Protein backbone atom coordinates (compact mmCIF):
# COMPACT_ATOMS: atom_id res chain seq x y z
CA UNK A 1 0.00 0.00 0.00
CA UNK A 2 2.82 2.42 0.85
CA UNK A 3 4.52 1.72 -2.45
CA UNK A 4 1.37 2.56 -4.38
CA UNK A 5 0.81 5.83 -2.47
CA UNK A 6 4.41 6.92 -3.09
CA UNK A 7 4.13 5.97 -6.76
CA UNK A 8 0.94 7.99 -7.13
CA UNK A 9 2.49 10.92 -5.27
CA UNK A 10 5.64 10.78 -7.43
CA UNK A 11 3.59 10.70 -10.62
CA UNK A 12 1.59 13.70 -9.39
CA UNK A 13 4.77 15.68 -8.69
CA UNK A 14 6.19 14.88 -12.12
CA UNK A 15 2.98 15.84 -13.90
CA UNK A 16 2.59 19.10 -11.97
CA UNK A 17 6.22 20.10 -12.57
CA UNK A 18 5.81 19.37 -16.29
CA UNK A 19 2.67 21.51 -16.42
CA UNK A 20 4.47 24.31 -14.56
CA UNK A 21 7.40 24.18 -16.98
CA UNK A 22 5.07 24.39 -19.97
CA UNK A 23 3.21 27.32 -18.41
CA UNK A 24 6.39 29.30 -17.75
CA UNK A 25 7.79 28.49 -21.19
CA UNK A 26 4.70 29.91 -22.85
CA UNK A 27 5.13 33.25 -21.05
CA UNK A 28 8.34 34.24 -22.87
CA UNK A 29 8.15 37.61 -24.58
CA UNK A 30 8.69 38.12 -28.27
CA UNK A 31 10.58 41.04 -29.78
CA UNK A 32 7.32 42.72 -30.79
CA UNK A 33 6.09 42.63 -27.18
CA UNK A 34 9.31 44.27 -25.94
CA UNK A 35 9.09 47.33 -28.19
CA UNK A 36 8.85 50.45 -26.12
CA UNK A 37 10.10 48.81 -22.92
CA UNK A 38 13.57 48.66 -21.45
CA UNK A 39 15.13 45.20 -21.37
CA UNK A 40 18.48 45.70 -19.63
CA UNK A 41 21.08 43.09 -18.80
CA UNK A 42 21.56 43.00 -15.05
CA UNK A 43 24.98 41.36 -14.85
CA UNK A 44 28.06 43.48 -14.22
CA UNK A 45 30.13 44.26 -17.33
CA UNK A 46 29.29 41.16 -19.41
CA UNK A 47 31.08 42.62 -22.43
CA UNK A 48 34.42 41.68 -20.85
CA UNK A 49 33.62 38.05 -21.67
CA UNK A 50 33.27 38.76 -25.40
CA UNK A 51 36.23 37.62 -27.45
CA UNK A 52 37.70 40.67 -29.26
CA UNK A 53 39.87 38.68 -31.67
CA UNK A 54 38.27 36.88 -34.60
CA UNK A 55 41.19 34.47 -35.00
CA UNK A 56 41.02 33.09 -31.47
CA UNK A 57 37.23 33.39 -31.40
CA UNK A 58 37.00 31.25 -34.52
CA UNK A 59 39.16 28.59 -32.88
CA UNK A 60 36.90 28.30 -29.84
CA UNK A 61 38.50 31.08 -27.78
CA UNK A 62 41.86 29.34 -27.42
CA UNK A 63 43.83 32.56 -27.07
CA UNK A 64 45.82 31.26 -24.11
CA UNK A 65 47.29 28.41 -26.16
CA UNK A 66 48.44 30.46 -29.17
CA UNK A 67 51.73 32.31 -29.73
CA UNK A 68 52.02 35.90 -28.53
CA UNK A 69 50.57 38.59 -30.79
CA UNK A 70 48.84 41.96 -30.47
CA UNK A 71 45.74 40.41 -28.86
CA UNK A 72 47.66 38.52 -26.18
CA UNK A 73 46.94 41.18 -23.59
CA UNK A 74 43.30 40.07 -23.54
CA UNK A 75 44.02 36.37 -23.11
CA UNK A 76 47.24 36.23 -21.10
CA UNK A 77 49.42 39.30 -20.75
CA UNK A 78 52.34 37.19 -19.49
CA UNK A 79 52.77 35.91 -23.06
CA UNK A 80 53.98 39.34 -24.15
CA UNK A 81 57.39 38.76 -22.55
CA UNK A 82 57.86 35.72 -24.80
CA UNK A 83 56.83 37.41 -28.05
CA UNK A 84 59.21 36.90 -30.95
CA UNK A 85 58.64 40.39 -32.41
CA UNK A 86 59.81 43.57 -30.69
CA UNK A 87 56.35 45.16 -30.88
CA UNK A 88 52.88 44.45 -32.14
CA UNK A 89 49.41 45.93 -32.34
CA UNK A 90 45.86 44.83 -33.11
CA UNK A 91 42.66 46.63 -34.03
CA UNK A 92 39.25 45.01 -34.36
CA UNK A 93 35.66 46.13 -34.84
CA UNK A 94 33.02 43.49 -34.20
CA UNK A 95 29.29 43.95 -34.84
CA UNK A 96 27.46 42.39 -31.92
CA UNK A 97 24.04 40.76 -32.39
CA UNK A 98 23.49 42.65 -35.63
CA UNK A 99 20.36 40.65 -36.47
CA UNK A 100 18.66 41.92 -33.30
CA UNK A 101 20.12 45.39 -32.79
CA UNK A 102 21.90 47.05 -35.71
CA UNK A 103 24.01 49.56 -33.78
CA UNK A 104 26.03 47.60 -31.19
CA UNK A 105 29.74 47.19 -31.85
CA UNK A 106 32.80 46.07 -29.92
CA UNK A 107 35.86 48.18 -30.70
CA UNK A 108 39.19 46.83 -29.48
CA UNK A 109 42.69 48.29 -29.81
CA UNK A 110 45.74 46.72 -28.21
CA UNK A 111 49.48 46.79 -28.51
CA UNK A 112 52.72 45.85 -26.85
CA UNK A 113 56.41 46.65 -26.95
CA UNK A 114 59.25 44.61 -25.54
CA UNK A 115 61.54 46.46 -23.14
CA UNK A 116 64.14 43.73 -22.79
CA UNK A 117 64.44 40.04 -23.52
CA UNK A 118 62.10 39.07 -20.67
CA UNK A 119 60.04 42.24 -20.15
CA UNK A 120 57.27 43.86 -22.13
CA UNK A 121 54.69 46.57 -21.68
CA UNK A 122 51.25 46.45 -23.23
CA UNK A 123 48.02 48.40 -23.32
CA UNK A 124 44.52 47.79 -24.59
CA UNK A 125 41.30 49.72 -24.97
CA UNK A 126 37.88 48.18 -25.34
CA UNK A 127 34.76 50.16 -26.21
CA UNK A 128 31.36 48.50 -26.33
CA UNK A 129 28.73 50.76 -27.87
Foldseek 3Di string as FASTA:
>chain_A
DVVVVVVVVVVVVVVVVVVVVVVVVVPDDDPVVCPPHDDDDDDPPPVLVDDQDPVCVVVVNPLVPDQDAFSNVSVPVQNVLVHPDQKHKDWGKAQDPCVNPPPWIKTKIKMKGAPDNRRIDMDMDIDID
